[in-house]
C-alpha atoms as a PDB file:
ATOM      1  CA  UNK A   1     -42.192  13.122  53.894  1.00  0.00           C
ATOM      2  CA  UNK A   2     -45.714  12.864  52.470  1.00  0.00           C
ATOM      3  CA  UNK A   3     -45.908   9.272  53.672  1.00  0.00           C
ATOM      4  CA  UNK A   4     -45.042  10.343  57.237  1.00  0.00           C
ATOM      5  CA  UNK A   5     -47.748  13.040  57.102  1.00  0.00           C
ATOM      6  CA  UNK A   6     -50.359  10.554  55.886  1.00  0.00           C
ATOM      7  CA  UNK A   7     -49.279   8.066  58.530  1.00  0.00           C
ATOM      8  CA  UNK A   8     -49.676  10.672  61.270  1.00  0.00           C
ATOM      9  CA  UNK A   9     -53.092  11.702  59.929  1.00  0.00           C
ATOM     10  CA  UNK A  10     -54.193   8.067  59.908  1.00  0.00           C
ATOM     11  CA  UNK A  11     -52.881   7.653  63.434  1.00  0.00           C
ATOM     12  CA  UNK A  12     -54.774  10.734  64.623  1.00  0.00           C
ATOM     13  CA  UNK A  13     -57.974   9.321  63.131  1.00  0.00           C
ATOM     14  CA  UNK A  14     -57.350   6.065  64.965  1.00  0.00           C
ATOM     15  CA  UNK A  15     -56.747   8.003  68.201  1.00  0.00           C
ATOM     16  CA  UNK A  16     -60.054   9.825  67.770  1.00  0.00           C
ATOM     17  CA  UNK A  17     -61.875   6.544  67.227  1.00  0.00           C
ATOM     18  CA  UNK A  18     -60.084   4.985  70.201  1.00  0.00           C
ATOM     19  CA  UNK A  19     -60.982   7.827  72.549  1.00  0.00           C
ATOM     20  CA  UNK A  20     -64.574   7.748  71.260  1.00  0.00           C
ATOM     21  CA  UNK A  21     -64.601   4.013  71.994  1.00  0.00           C
ATOM     22  CA  UNK A  22     -65.388   3.277  68.358  1.00  0.00           C
ATOM     23  CA  UNK A  23     -62.510   0.913  67.543  1.00  0.00           C
ATOM     24  CA  UNK A  24     -62.913  -2.832  67.450  1.00  0.00           C
ATOM     25  CA  UNK A  25     -60.718  -4.875  69.784  1.00  0.00           C
ATOM     26  CA  UNK A  26     -58.153  -5.805  67.144  1.00  0.00           C
ATOM     27  CA  UNK A  27     -57.642  -2.226  65.955  1.00  0.00           C
ATOM     28  CA  UNK A  28     -57.476  -1.008  69.547  1.00  0.00           C
ATOM     29  CA  UNK A  29     -54.714  -3.494  70.343  1.00  0.00           C
ATOM     30  CA  UNK A  30     -52.794  -2.459  67.214  1.00  0.00           C
ATOM     31  CA  UNK A  31     -53.081   1.209  68.175  1.00  0.00           C
ATOM     32  CA  UNK A  32     -51.910   0.617  71.732  1.00  0.00           C
ATOM     33  CA  UNK A  33     -49.028  -1.501  70.434  1.00  0.00           C
ATOM     34  CA  UNK A  34     -47.951   1.385  68.195  1.00  0.00           C
ATOM     35  CA  UNK A  35     -48.193   3.789  71.132  1.00  0.00           C
ATOM     36  CA  UNK A  36     -46.132   1.508  73.367  1.00  0.00           C
ATOM     37  CA  UNK A  37     -43.365   1.162  70.782  1.00  0.00           C
ATOM     38  CA  UNK A  38     -43.061   4.742  69.527  1.00  0.00           C
ATOM     39  CA  UNK A  39     -42.684   7.718  71.888  1.00  0.00           C
ATOM     40  CA  UNK A  40     -43.936  10.127  69.194  1.00  0.00           C
ATOM     41  CA  UNK A  41     -47.241   8.290  68.943  1.00  0.00           C
ATOM     42  CA  UNK A  42     -47.396   8.124  72.719  1.00  0.00           C
ATOM     43  CA  UNK A  43     -47.094  11.910  72.889  1.00  0.00           C
ATOM     44  CA  UNK A  44     -49.852  12.376  70.305  1.00  0.00           C
ATOM     45  CA  UNK A  45     -52.215  10.137  72.273  1.00  0.00           C
ATOM     46  CA  UNK A  46     -51.326  11.815  75.551  1.00  0.00           C
ATOM     47  CA  UNK A  47     -51.880  15.309  74.154  1.00  0.00           C
ATOM     48  CA  UNK A  48     -55.282  14.340  72.775  1.00  0.00           C
ATOM     49  CA  UNK A  49     -56.312  12.721  76.066  1.00  0.00           C
ATOM     50  CA  UNK A  50     -55.203  15.804  78.009  1.00  0.00           C
ATOM     51  CA  UNK A  51     -57.012  18.122  75.590  1.00  0.00           C
ATOM     52  CA  UNK A  52     -60.258  16.183  75.884  1.00  0.00           C
ATOM     53  CA  UNK A  53     -59.955  16.100  79.661  1.00  0.00           C
ATOM     54  CA  UNK A  54     -59.387  19.875  79.729  1.00  0.00           C
ATOM     55  CA  UNK A  55     -62.436  20.489  77.549  1.00  0.00           C
ATOM     56  CA  UNK A  56     -64.671  18.263  79.667  1.00  0.00           C
ATOM     57  CA  UNK A  57     -63.564  19.935  82.888  1.00  0.00           C
ATOM     58  CA  UNK A  58     -63.522  23.557  81.746  1.00  0.00           C
ATOM     59  CA  UNK A  59     -66.200  24.066  79.125  1.00  0.00           C
ATOM     60  CA  UNK A  60     -69.662  24.448  80.564  1.00  0.00           C
ATOM     61  CA  UNK A  61     -72.696  23.960  78.372  1.00  0.00           C
ATOM     62  CA  UNK A  62     -75.631  26.251  78.770  1.00  0.00           C
ATOM     63  CA  UNK A  63     -78.735  24.471  79.966  1.00  0.00           C
ATOM     64  CA  UNK A  64     -81.738  24.527  77.671  1.00  0.00           C
ATOM     65  CA  UNK A  65     -84.923  25.607  79.371  1.00  0.00           C
ATOM     66  CA  UNK A  66     -87.962  23.327  79.203  1.00  0.00           C
ATOM     67  CA  UNK A  67     -89.829  26.063  77.270  1.00  0.00           C
ATOM     68  CA  UNK A  68     -87.082  26.175  74.660  1.00  0.00           C
ATOM     69  CA  UNK A  69     -87.147  22.396  74.265  1.00  0.00           C
ATOM     70  CA  UNK A  70     -90.922  22.411  73.911  1.00  0.00           C
ATOM     71  CA  UNK A  71     -90.747  25.204  71.311  1.00  0.00           C
ATOM     72  CA  UNK A  72     -88.354  23.117  69.226  1.00  0.00           C
ATOM     73  CA  UNK A  73     -90.607  20.051  69.518  1.00  0.00           C
ATOM     74  CA  UNK A  74     -93.627  22.109  68.466  1.00  0.00           C
ATOM     75  CA  UNK A  75     -91.763  23.522  65.484  1.00  0.00           C
ATOM     76  CA  UNK A  76     -90.711  20.048  64.379  1.00  0.00           C
ATOM     77  CA  UNK A  77     -94.287  18.768  64.582  1.00  0.00           C
ATOM     78  CA  UNK A  78     -95.641  21.697  62.550  1.00  0.00           C
ATOM     79  CA  UNK A  79     -93.107  21.497  59.714  1.00  0.00           C
END
């Protein structure tokens, strides 16, 4: 059971790297091959893609004012 948990954790890390476009071509192919051959892995990838899409579409970031940005720059230069 522990092996299955570790395998899933490793897969989730690979999914994160894949979605962040941080995997090399060989690892990306291996990940997609796993996804294509195992419906459980396919569901994990799909859920993560849907979650990221939801976040991007529904979470709005507050805009930083130019004065705020300048205040941070000034503080960095002083310290």
